[in-house]
Amino acid sequence: MRVRWLSRALANLEKEAQYIATDNPAVAVRTVTAVFAAVDRLARHPAMGRTGRVPGTRELVVSGTPYVIPYRVRGGVLEILRVFHAARSGPSDSKNSRALCKKSVA
C-alpha cells in the first residue's frame, strides 16, 4: 500500500528526533528508524493498529518506543496523520487535533 505522510506528522517526528538528539543522537536515529520501519510494516498490514481515539482513524504503538502513530486508510493510501509521545497529549486530548483529524477524514 502506498504511504503518504502528512506534513504535520513529519514535523512531529522531526521535533521529537531533535529533542532526543540533544541528549543522545544515537537514540534519536534509532527512534526515527523504528518509526519508519513500523510504517513500512503498517503499509503491508494496515489493520494491525488499534482503533483510534478519533473516529475514522487507527493508531499504531511503535514497538520499543513510547511513540504512537495515528493513521487512516483512504482510497488505498495509508495516511500518516501524526507522531506523538504516548505520555503527551494525543489526538483525543486536543480540540485542534480532533478538528484536524475530522477535517482530514471527511
PDB file of N, CA and C in Angstrom:
ATOM      1  N   MET A   1       0.851  -1.174   0.000  1.00  0.00           N
ATOM      2  CA  MET A   1       0.000   0.000   0.000  1.00  0.00           C
ATOM      3  C   MET A   1       0.898   1.239   0.000  1.00  0.00           C
ATOM      4  N   ARG A   2       0.495   2.211  -0.757  1.00  0.00           N
ATOM      5  CA  ARG A   2       1.249   3.467  -0.822  1.00  0.00           C
ATOM      6  C   ARG A   2       1.078   4.240   0.486  1.00  0.00           C
ATOM      7  N   VAL A   3       2.149   4.903   0.919  1.00  0.00           N
ATOM      8  CA  VAL A   3       2.151   5.662   2.172  1.00  0.00           C
ATOM      9  C   VAL A   3       2.261   7.147   1.860  1.00  0.00           C
ATOM     10  N   ARG A   4       1.442   7.928   2.540  1.00  0.00           N
ATOM     11  CA  ARG A   4       1.503   9.391   2.425  1.00  0.00           C
ATOM     12  C   ARG A   4       1.621   9.963   3.834  1.00  0.00           C
ATOM     13  N   TRP A   5       2.704  10.685   4.076  1.00  0.00           N
ATOM     14  CA  TRP A   5       2.912  11.349   5.360  1.00  0.00           C
ATOM     15  C   TRP A   5       2.343  12.757   5.286  1.00  0.00           C
ATOM     16  N   LEU A   6       1.450  13.110   6.212  1.00  0.00           N
ATOM     17  CA  LEU A   6       1.025  14.499   6.302  1.00  0.00           C
ATOM     18  C   LEU A   6       2.208  15.315   6.802  1.00  0.00           C
ATOM     19  N   SER A   7       2.296  16.559   6.364  1.00  0.00           N
ATOM     20  CA  SER A   7       3.428  17.400   6.760  1.00  0.00           C
ATOM     21  C   SER A   7       3.500  17.549   8.277  1.00  0.00           C
ATOM     22  N   ARG A   8       2.349  17.568   8.924  1.00  0.00           N
ATOM     23  CA  ARG A   8       2.327  17.687  10.384  1.00  0.00           C
ATOM     24  C   ARG A   8       2.985  16.470  11.040  1.00  0.00           C
ATOM     25  N   ALA A   9       2.759  15.285  10.480  1.00  0.00           N
ATOM     26  CA  ALA A   9       3.361  14.065  11.033  1.00  0.00           C
ATOM     27  C   ALA A   9       4.877  14.104  10.901  1.00  0.00           C
ATOM     28  N   LEU A  10       5.355  14.517   9.742  1.00  0.00           N
ATOM     29  CA  LEU A  10       6.806  14.625   9.549  1.00  0.00           C
ATOM     30  C   LEU A  10       7.408  15.673  10.479  1.00  0.00           C
ATOM     31  N   ALA A  11       6.690  16.772  10.666  1.00  0.00           N
ATOM     32  CA  ALA A  11       7.168  17.817  11.585  1.00  0.00           C
ATOM     33  C   ALA A  11       7.203  17.289  13.018  1.00  0.00           C
ATOM     34  N   ASN A  12       6.177  16.512  13.412  1.00  0.00           N
ATOM     35  CA  ASN A  12       6.166  15.904  14.750  1.00  0.00           C
ATOM     36  C   ASN A  12       7.387  15.019  14.948  1.00  0.00           C
ATOM     37  N   LEU A  13       7.656  14.162  13.962  1.00  0.00           N
ATOM     38  CA  LEU A  13       8.778  13.232  14.069  1.00  0.00           C
ATOM     39  C   LEU A  13      10.108  13.984  14.131  1.00  0.00           C
ATOM     40  N   GLU A  14      10.248  14.994  13.315  1.00  0.00           N
ATOM     41  CA  GLU A  14      11.484  15.783  13.319  1.00  0.00           C
ATOM     42  C   GLU A  14      11.703  16.462  14.674  1.00  0.00           C
ATOM     43  N   LYS A  15      10.635  17.020  15.227  1.00  0.00           N
ATOM     44  CA  LYS A  15      10.736  17.698  16.524  1.00  0.00           C
ATOM     45  C   LYS A  15      11.131  16.709  17.623  1.00  0.00           C
ATOM     46  N   GLU A  16      10.517  15.530  17.607  1.00  0.00           N
ATOM     47  CA  GLU A  16      10.860  14.508  18.599  1.00  0.00           C
ATOM     48  C   GLU A  16      12.321  14.089  18.455  1.00  0.00           C
ATOM     49  N   ALA A  17      12.763  13.876  17.221  1.00  0.00           N
ATOM     50  CA  ALA A  17      14.147  13.462  16.976  1.00  0.00           C
ATOM     51  C   ALA A  17      15.130  14.529  17.452  1.00  0.00           C
ATOM     52  N   GLN A  18      14.819  15.779  17.195  1.00  0.00           N
ATOM     53  CA  GLN A  18      15.697  16.864  17.642  1.00  0.00           C
ATOM     54  C   GLN A  18      15.777  16.908  19.165  1.00  0.00           C
ATOM     55  N   TYR A  19      14.642  16.707  19.811  1.00  0.00           N
ATOM     56  CA  TYR A  19      14.608  16.718  21.276  1.00  0.00           C
ATOM     57  C   TYR A  19      15.467  15.581  21.841  1.00  0.00           C
ATOM     58  N   ILE A  20      15.289  14.377  21.303  1.00  0.00           N
ATOM     59  CA  ILE A  20      16.057  13.222  21.772  1.00  0.00           C
ATOM     60  C   ILE A  20      17.545  13.432  21.506  1.00  0.00           C
ATOM     61  N   ALA A  21      17.864  13.972  20.344  1.00  0.00           N
ATOM     62  CA  ALA A  21      19.264  14.140  19.930  1.00  0.00           C
ATOM     63  C   ALA A  21      20.046  15.084  20.835  1.00  0.00           C
ATOM     64  N   THR A  22      19.354  15.974  21.540  1.00  0.00           N
ATOM     65  CA  THR A  22      20.074  16.871  22.449  1.00  0.00           C
ATOM     66  C   THR A  22      20.770  16.087  23.558  1.00  0.00           C
ATOM     67  N   ASP A  23      20.186  14.953  23.951  1.00  0.00           N
ATOM     68  CA  ASP A  23      20.788  14.099  24.978  1.00  0.00           C
ATOM     69  C   ASP A  23      21.540  12.912  24.393  1.00  0.00           C
ATOM     70  N   ASN A  24      21.001  12.347  23.300  1.00  0.00           N
ATOM     71  CA  ASN A  24      21.602  11.129  22.768  1.00  0.00           C
ATOM     72  C   ASN A  24      21.289  10.986  21.272  1.00  0.00           C
ATOM     73  N   PRO A  25      22.163  11.463  20.416  1.00  0.00           N
ATOM     74  CA  PRO A  25      21.926  11.390  18.969  1.00  0.00           C
ATOM     75  C   PRO A  25      21.707   9.966  18.448  1.00  0.00           C
ATOM     76  N   ALA A  26      22.389   8.993  19.027  1.00  0.00           N
ATOM     77  CA  ALA A  26      22.223   7.608  18.566  1.00  0.00           C
ATOM     78  C   ALA A  26      20.810   7.100  18.838  1.00  0.00           C
ATOM     79  N   VAL A  27      20.258   7.455  19.985  1.00  0.00           N
ATOM     80  CA  VAL A  27      18.883   7.052  20.304  1.00  0.00           C
ATOM     81  C   VAL A  27      17.904   7.757  19.369  1.00  0.00           C
ATOM     82  N   ALA A  28      18.178   8.987  19.027  1.00  0.00           N
ATOM     83  CA  ALA A  28      17.317   9.711  18.081  1.00  0.00           C
ATOM     84  C   ALA A  28      17.275   8.986  16.742  1.00  0.00           C
ATOM     85  N   VAL A  29      18.425   8.554  16.259  1.00  0.00           N
ATOM     86  CA  VAL A  29      18.485   7.822  14.985  1.00  0.00           C
ATOM     87  C   VAL A  29      17.722   6.507  15.098  1.00  0.00           C
ATOM     88  N   ARG A  30      17.916   5.785  16.205  1.00  0.00           N
ATOM     89  CA  ARG A  30      17.199   4.507  16.390  1.00  0.00           C
ATOM     90  C   ARG A  30      15.695   4.722  16.455  1.00  0.00           C
ATOM     91  N   THR A  31      15.265   5.795  17.101  1.00  0.00           N
ATOM     92  CA  THR A  31      13.836   6.071  17.215  1.00  0.00           C
ATOM     93  C   THR A  31      13.231   6.367  15.851  1.00  0.00           C
ATOM     94  N   VAL A  32      13.863   7.226  15.085  1.00  0.00           N
ATOM     95  CA  VAL A  32      13.356   7.556  13.744  1.00  0.00           C
ATOM     96  C   VAL A  32      13.343   6.305  12.867  1.00  0.00           C
ATOM     97  N   THR A  33      14.389   5.500  12.957  1.00  0.00           N
ATOM     98  CA  THR A  33      14.450   4.255  12.191  1.00  0.00           C
ATOM     99  C   THR A  33      13.304   3.330  12.586  1.00  0.00           C
ATOM    100  N   ALA A  34      13.017   3.227  13.881  1.00  0.00           N
ATOM    101  CA  ALA A  34      11.922   2.382  14.362  1.00  0.00           C
ATOM    102  C   ALA A  34      10.575   2.876  13.852  1.00  0.00           C
ATOM    103  N   VAL A  35      10.381   4.184  13.826  1.00  0.00           N
ATOM    104  CA  VAL A  35       9.116   4.744  13.334  1.00  0.00           C
ATOM    105  C   VAL A  35       8.938   4.429  11.853  1.00  0.00           C
ATOM    106  N   PHE A  36       9.972   4.645  11.048  1.00  0.00           N
ATOM    107  CA  PHE A  36       9.859   4.356   9.616  1.00  0.00           C
ATOM    108  C   PHE A  36       9.678   2.860   9.358  1.00  0.00           C
ATOM    109  N   ALA A  37      10.339   2.014  10.139  1.00  0.00           N
ATOM    110  CA  ALA A  37      10.165   0.563   9.988  1.00  0.00           C
ATOM    111  C   ALA A  37       8.735   0.159  10.342  1.00  0.00           C
ATOM    112  N   ALA A  38       8.177   0.767  11.385  1.00  0.00           N
ATOM    113  CA  ALA A  38       6.797   0.471  11.777  1.00  0.00           C
ATOM    114  C   ALA A  38       5.824   0.878  10.673  1.00  0.00           C
ATOM    115  N   VAL A  39       6.068   2.019  10.058  1.00  0.00           N
ATOM    116  CA  VAL A  39       5.196   2.470   8.965  1.00  0.00           C
ATOM    117  C   VAL A  39       5.324   1.535   7.762  1.00  0.00           C
ATOM    118  N   ASP A  40       6.522   1.041   7.492  1.00  0.00           N
ATOM    119  CA  ASP A  40       6.697   0.068   6.405  1.00  0.00           C
ATOM    120  C   ASP A  40       5.876  -1.193   6.666  1.00  0.00           C
ATOM    121  N   ARG A  41       5.907  -1.697   7.909  1.00  0.00           N
ATOM    122  CA  ARG A  41       5.094  -2.875   8.259  1.00  0.00           C
ATOM    123  C   ARG A  41       3.611  -2.551   8.148  1.00  0.00           C
ATOM    124  N   LEU A  42       3.261  -1.370   8.596  1.00  0.00           N
ATOM    125  CA  LEU A  42       1.872  -0.932   8.549  1.00  0.00           C
ATOM    126  C   LEU A  42       1.354  -0.873   7.116  1.00  0.00           C
ATOM    127  N   ALA A  43       2.198  -0.481   6.187  1.00  0.00           N
ATOM    128  CA  ALA A  43       1.801  -0.420   4.775  1.00  0.00           C
ATOM    129  C   ALA A  43       1.441  -1.806   4.252  1.00  0.00           C
ATOM    130  N   ARG A  44       2.075  -2.832   4.795  1.00  0.00           N
ATOM    131  CA  ARG A  44       1.769  -4.205   4.380  1.00  0.00           C
ATOM    132  C   ARG A  44       0.584  -4.785   5.143  1.00  0.00           C
ATOM    133  N   HIS A  45       0.341  -4.280   6.363  1.00  0.00           N
ATOM    134  CA  HIS A  45      -0.724  -4.805   7.226  1.00  0.00           C
ATOM    135  C   HIS A  45      -1.459  -3.637   7.893  1.00  0.00           C
ATOM    136  N   PRO A  46      -2.241  -2.873   7.143  1.00  0.00           N
ATOM    137  CA  PRO A  46      -2.830  -1.642   7.690  1.00  0.00           C
ATOM    138  C   PRO A  46      -3.827  -1.839   8.828  1.00  0.00           C
ATOM    139  N   ALA A  47      -4.328  -3.046   9.021  1.00  0.00           N
ATOM    140  CA  ALA A  47      -5.283  -3.268  10.106  1.00  0.00           C
ATOM    141  C   ALA A  47      -4.596  -3.615  11.422  1.00  0.00           C
ATOM    142  N   MET A  48      -3.258  -3.634  11.447  1.00  0.00           N
ATOM    143  CA  MET A  48      -2.563  -4.073  12.656  1.00  0.00           C
ATOM    144  C   MET A  48      -2.647  -3.080  13.812  1.00  0.00           C
ATOM    145  N   GLY A  49      -2.946  -1.842  13.552  1.00  0.00           N
ATOM    146  CA  GLY A  49      -3.081  -0.853  14.624  1.00  0.00           C
ATOM    147  C   GLY A  49      -4.420  -0.987  15.332  1.00  0.00           C
ATOM    148  N   ARG A  50      -4.498  -0.373  16.498  1.00  0.00           N
ATOM    149  CA  ARG A  50      -5.745  -0.383  17.264  1.00  0.00           C
ATOM    150  C   ARG A  50      -6.697   0.683  16.729  1.00  0.00           C
ATOM    151  N   THR A  51      -7.956   0.579  17.097  1.00  0.00           N
ATOM    152  CA  THR A  51      -8.932   1.603  16.740  1.00  0.00           C
ATOM    153  C   THR A  51      -8.479   2.924  17.347  1.00  0.00           C
ATOM    154  N   GLY A  52      -8.521   3.981  16.546  1.00  0.00           N
ATOM    155  CA  GLY A  52      -8.053   5.280  17.002  1.00  0.00           C
ATOM    156  C   GLY A  52      -9.025   5.977  17.930  1.00  0.00           C
ATOM    157  N   ARG A  53      -8.528   6.962  18.639  1.00  0.00           N
ATOM    158  CA  ARG A  53      -9.368   7.760  19.533  1.00  0.00           C
ATOM    159  C   ARG A  53     -10.208   8.761  18.764  1.00  0.00           C
ATOM    160  N   VAL A  54      -9.797   9.055  17.543  1.00  0.00           N
ATOM    161  CA  VAL A  54     -10.561   9.944  16.667  1.00  0.00           C
ATOM    162  C   VAL A  54     -11.284   9.059  15.656  1.00  0.00           C
ATOM    163  N   PRO A  55     -12.599   9.232  15.494  1.00  0.00           N
ATOM    164  CA  PRO A  55     -13.338   8.392  14.546  1.00  0.00           C
ATOM    165  C   PRO A  55     -12.696   8.391  13.155  1.00  0.00           C
ATOM    166  N   GLY A  56     -12.651   7.195  12.554  1.00  0.00           N
ATOM    167  CA  GLY A  56     -12.103   7.066  11.209  1.00  0.00           C
ATOM    168  C   GLY A  56     -10.598   6.875  11.168  1.00  0.00           C
ATOM    169  N   THR A  57      -9.975   6.784  12.356  1.00  0.00           N
ATOM    170  CA  THR A  57      -8.522   6.608  12.404  1.00  0.00           C
ATOM    171  C   THR A  57      -8.172   5.327  13.145  1.00  0.00           C
ATOM    172  N   ARG A  58      -6.924   4.938  13.002  1.00  0.00           N
ATOM    173  CA  ARG A  58      -6.337   3.845  13.764  1.00  0.00           C
ATOM    174  C   ARG A  58      -5.031   4.376  14.345  1.00  0.00           C
ATOM    175  N   GLU A  59      -4.473   3.650  15.315  1.00  0.00           N
ATOM    176  CA  GLU A  59      -3.224   4.064  15.947  1.00  0.00           C
ATOM    177  C   GLU A  59      -2.289   2.873  16.078  1.00  0.00           C
ATOM    178  N   LEU A  60      -1.041   3.104  15.770  1.00  0.00           N
ATOM    179  CA  LEU A  60      -0.023   2.075  15.937  1.00  0.00           C
ATOM    180  C   LEU A  60       0.955   2.529  17.005  1.00  0.00           C
ATOM    181  N   VAL A  61       1.144   1.697  18.024  1.00  0.00           N
ATOM    182  CA  VAL A  61       2.167   1.951  19.030  1.00  0.00           C
ATOM    183  C   VAL A  61       3.460   1.377  18.465  1.00  0.00           C
ATOM    184  N   VAL A  62       4.489   2.201  18.379  1.00  0.00           N
ATOM    185  CA  VAL A  62       5.765   1.771  17.808  1.00  0.00           C
ATOM    186  C   VAL A  62       6.506   0.942  18.853  1.00  0.00           C
ATOM    187  N   SER A  63       6.683  -0.334  18.559  1.00  0.00           N
ATOM    188  CA  SER A  63       7.322  -1.273  19.475  1.00  0.00           C
ATOM    189  C   SER A  63       8.705  -0.784  19.913  1.00  0.00           C
ATOM    190  N   GLY A  64       8.942  -0.880  21.224  1.00  0.00           N
ATOM    191  CA  GLY A  64      10.237  -0.486  21.762  1.00  0.00           C
ATOM    192  C   GLY A  64      10.431   1.004  21.937  1.00  0.00           C
ATOM    193  N   THR A  65       9.380   1.774  21.668  1.00  0.00           N
ATOM    194  CA  THR A  65       9.441   3.228  21.829  1.00  0.00           C
ATOM    195  C   THR A  65       8.169   3.704  22.527  1.00  0.00           C
ATOM    196  N   PRO A  66       8.157   4.930  23.014  1.00  0.00           N
ATOM    197  CA  PRO A  66       6.936   5.481  23.601  1.00  0.00           C
ATOM    198  C   PRO A  66       6.094   6.252  22.579  1.00  0.00           C
ATOM    199  N   TYR A  67       6.240   5.947  21.297  1.00  0.00           N
ATOM    200  CA  TYR A  67       5.571   6.735  20.261  1.00  0.00           C
ATOM    201  C   TYR A  67       4.358   6.033  19.672  1.00  0.00           C
ATOM    202  N   VAL A  68       3.370   6.850  19.334  1.00  0.00           N
ATOM    203  CA  VAL A  68       2.118   6.390  18.739  1.00  0.00           C
ATOM    204  C   VAL A  68       1.956   7.100  17.401  1.00  0.00           C
ATOM    205  N   ILE A  69       1.497   6.344  16.406  1.00  0.00           N
ATOM    206  CA  ILE A  69       1.287   6.893  15.063  1.00  0.00           C
ATOM    207  C   ILE A  69      -0.195   6.782  14.716  1.00  0.00           C
ATOM    208  N   PRO A  70      -0.948   7.875  14.783  1.00  0.00           N
ATOM    209  CA  PRO A  70      -2.321   7.850  14.286  1.00  0.00           C
ATOM    210  C   PRO A  70      -2.294   7.845  12.752  1.00  0.00           C
ATOM    211  N   TYR A  71      -3.175   7.040  12.159  1.00  0.00           N
ATOM    212  CA  TYR A  71      -3.207   6.933  10.697  1.00  0.00           C
ATOM    213  C   TYR A  71      -4.616   6.582  10.235  1.00  0.00           C
ATOM    214  N   ARG A  72      -4.795   6.624   8.924  1.00  0.00           N
ATOM    215  CA  ARG A  72      -6.057   6.181   8.318  1.00  0.00           C
ATOM    216  C   ARG A  72      -5.730   5.654   6.929  1.00  0.00           C
ATOM    217  N   VAL A  73      -6.651   4.878   6.399  1.00  0.00           N
ATOM    218  CA  VAL A  73      -6.518   4.379   5.031  1.00  0.00           C
ATOM    219  C   VAL A  73      -7.642   5.004   4.228  1.00  0.00           C
ATOM    220  N   ARG A  74      -7.246   5.674   3.145  1.00  0.00           N
ATOM    221  CA  ARG A  74      -8.235   6.302   2.252  1.00  0.00           C
ATOM    222  C   ARG A  74      -7.842   6.027   0.821  1.00  0.00           C
ATOM    223  N   GLY A  75      -8.770   5.434   0.072  1.00  0.00           N
ATOM    224  CA  GLY A  75      -8.525   5.206  -1.343  1.00  0.00           C
ATOM    225  C   GLY A  75      -7.274   4.392  -1.617  1.00  0.00           C
ATOM    226  N   GLY A  76      -7.008   3.397  -0.784  1.00  0.00           N
ATOM    227  CA  GLY A  76      -5.833   2.570  -0.981  1.00  0.00           C
ATOM    228  C   GLY A  76      -4.523   3.223  -0.588  1.00  0.00           C
ATOM    229  N   VAL A  77      -4.606   4.347   0.119  1.00  0.00           N
ATOM    230  CA  VAL A  77      -3.406   5.065   0.564  1.00  0.00           C
ATOM    231  C   VAL A  77      -3.392   5.089   2.095  1.00  0.00           C
ATOM    232  N   LEU A  78      -2.259   4.719   2.666  1.00  0.00           N
ATOM    233  CA  LEU A  78      -2.064   4.795   4.106  1.00  0.00           C
ATOM    234  C   LEU A  78      -1.577   6.202   4.425  1.00  0.00           C
ATOM    235  N   GLU A  79      -2.373   6.949   5.177  1.00  0.00           N
ATOM    236  CA  GLU A  79      -2.024   8.330   5.517  1.00  0.00           C
ATOM    237  C   GLU A  79      -1.562   8.401   6.972  1.00  0.00           C
ATOM    238  N   ILE A  80      -0.333   8.853   7.156  1.00  0.00           N
ATOM    239  CA  ILE A  80       0.225   9.025   8.497  1.00  0.00           C
ATOM    240  C   ILE A  80      -0.150  10.430   8.952  1.00  0.00           C
ATOM    241  N   LEU A  81      -0.955  10.499  10.012  1.00  0.00           N
ATOM    242  CA  LEU A  81      -1.517  11.778  10.450  1.00  0.00           C
ATOM    243  C   LEU A  81      -0.608  12.539  11.410  1.00  0.00           C
ATOM    244  N   ARG A  82       0.011  11.825  12.345  1.00  0.00           N
ATOM    245  CA  ARG A  82       0.861  12.452  13.362  1.00  0.00           C
ATOM    246  C   ARG A  82       1.818  11.423  13.921  1.00  0.00           C
ATOM    247  N   VAL A  83       2.753  11.873  14.703  1.00  0.00           N
ATOM    248  CA  VAL A  83       3.606  11.010  15.525  1.00  0.00           C
ATOM    249  C   VAL A  83       3.685  11.716  16.868  1.00  0.00           C
ATOM    250  N   PHE A  84       3.309  11.015  17.944  1.00  0.00           N
ATOM    251  CA  PHE A  84       3.387  11.679  19.242  1.00  0.00           C
ATOM    252  C   PHE A  84       3.854  10.718  20.328  1.00  0.00           C
ATOM    253  N   HIS A  85       4.432  11.292  21.373  1.00  0.00           N
ATOM    254  CA  HIS A  85       4.889  10.546  22.542  1.00  0.00           C
ATOM    255  C   HIS A  85       3.652  10.163  23.346  1.00  0.00           C
ATOM    256  N   ALA A  86       3.569   8.919  23.762  1.00  0.00           N
ATOM    257  CA  ALA A  86       2.385   8.426  24.469  1.00  0.00           C
ATOM    258  C   ALA A  86       2.121   9.171  25.774  1.00  0.00           C
ATOM    259  N   ALA A  87       3.150   9.735  26.389  1.00  0.00           N
ATOM    260  CA  ALA A  87       2.966  10.460  27.646  1.00  0.00           C
ATOM    261  C   ALA A  87       2.431  11.873  27.431  1.00  0.00           C
ATOM    262  N   ARG A  88       2.453  12.323  26.196  1.00  0.00           N
ATOM    263  CA  ARG A  88       1.944  13.662  25.892  1.00  0.00           C
ATOM    264  C   ARG A  88       0.517  13.554  25.386  1.00  0.00           C
ATOM    265  N   SER A  89      -0.109  14.681  25.225  1.00  0.00           N
ATOM    266  CA  SER A  89      -1.486  14.702  24.740  1.00  0.00           C
ATOM    267  C   SER A  89      -1.581  14.049  23.378  1.00  0.00           C
ATOM    268  N   GLY A  90      -2.523  13.157  23.256  1.00  0.00           N
ATOM    269  CA  GLY A  90      -2.781  12.516  21.973  1.00  0.00           C
ATOM    270  C   GLY A  90      -3.878  13.236  21.234  1.00  0.00           C
ATOM    271  N   PRO A  91      -4.298  12.702  20.113  1.00  0.00           N
ATOM    272  CA  PRO A  91      -5.306  13.356  19.285  1.00  0.00           C
ATOM    273  C   PRO A  91      -6.612  13.627  20.005  1.00  0.00           C
ATOM    274  N   SER A  92      -7.053  12.703  20.878  1.00  0.00           N
ATOM    275  CA  SER A  92      -8.335  12.910  21.534  1.00  0.00           C
ATOM    276  C   SER A  92      -8.259  13.951  22.638  1.00  0.00           C
ATOM    277  N   ASP A  93      -7.046  14.324  23.036  1.00  0.00           N
ATOM    278  CA  ASP A  93      -6.877  15.284  24.121  1.00  0.00           C
ATOM    279  C   ASP A  93      -6.824  16.731  23.646  1.00  0.00           C
ATOM    280  N   SER A  94      -6.798  16.928  22.374  1.00  0.00           N
ATOM    281  CA  SER A  94      -6.624  18.267  21.837  1.00  0.00           C
ATOM    282  C   SER A  94      -7.762  18.621  20.897  1.00  0.00           C
ATOM    283  N   LYS A  95      -8.438  19.708  21.191  1.00  0.00           N
ATOM    284  CA  LYS A  95      -9.536  20.151  20.344  1.00  0.00           C
ATOM    285  C   LYS A  95      -9.044  20.410  18.921  1.00  0.00           C
ATOM    286  N   ASN A  96      -7.880  21.037  18.786  1.00  0.00           N
ATOM    287  CA  ASN A  96      -7.333  21.310  17.455  1.00  0.00           C
ATOM    288  C   ASN A  96      -7.003  20.026  16.715  1.00  0.00           C
ATOM    289  N   SER A  97      -6.467  19.031  17.412  1.00  0.00           N
ATOM    290  CA  SER A  97      -6.143  17.762  16.771  1.00  0.00           C
ATOM    291  C   SER A  97      -7.408  17.060  16.311  1.00  0.00           C
ATOM    292  N   ARG A  98      -8.451  17.092  17.134  1.00  0.00           N
ATOM    293  CA  ARG A  98      -9.721  16.472  16.730  1.00  0.00           C
ATOM    294  C   ARG A  98     -10.260  17.151  15.491  1.00  0.00           C
ATOM    295  N   ALA A  99     -10.215  18.467  15.475  1.00  0.00           N
ATOM    296  CA  ALA A  99     -10.722  19.210  14.315  1.00  0.00           C
ATOM    297  C   ALA A  99      -9.908  18.880  13.073  1.00  0.00           C
ATOM    298  N   LEU A 100      -8.594  18.799  13.211  1.00  0.00           N
ATOM    299  CA  LEU A 100      -7.730  18.474  12.081  1.00  0.00           C
ATOM    300  C   LEU A 100      -8.053  17.086  11.547  1.00  0.00           C
ATOM    301  N   CYS A 101      -8.169  16.115  12.452  1.00  0.00           N
ATOM    302  CA  CYS A 101      -8.446  14.748  12.019  1.00  0.00           C
ATOM    303  C   CYS A 101      -9.831  14.638  11.399  1.00  0.00           C
ATOM    304  N   LYS A 102     -10.828  15.296  11.990  1.00  0.00           N
ATOM    305  CA  LYS A 102     -12.175  15.250  11.418  1.00  0.00           C
ATOM    306  C   LYS A 102     -12.181  15.861  10.030  1.00  0.00           C
ATOM    307  N   LYS A 103     -11.508  16.989   9.872  1.00  0.00           N
ATOM    308  CA  LYS A 103     -11.447  17.648   8.569  1.00  0.00           C
ATOM    309  C   LYS A 103     -10.771  16.733   7.558  1.00  0.00           C
ATOM    310  N   SER A 104      -9.709  16.059   7.990  1.00  0.00           N
ATOM    311  CA  SER A 104      -8.965  15.178   7.097  1.00  0.00           C
ATOM    312  C   SER A 104      -9.743  13.920   6.760  1.00  0.00           C
ATOM    313  N   VAL A 105     -10.572  13.436   7.696  1.00  0.00           N
ATOM    314  CA  VAL A 105     -11.344  12.215   7.478  1.00  0.00           C
ATOM    315  C   VAL A 105     -12.490  12.472   6.517  1.00  0.00           C
ATOM    316  N   ALA A 106     -13.038  13.665   6.555  1.00  0.00           N
ATOM    317  CA  ALA A 106     -14.209  13.982   5.720  1.00  0.00           C
ATOM    318  C   ALA A 106     -13.899  13.916   4.240  1.00  0.00           C
TER     319      ALA A 106
END
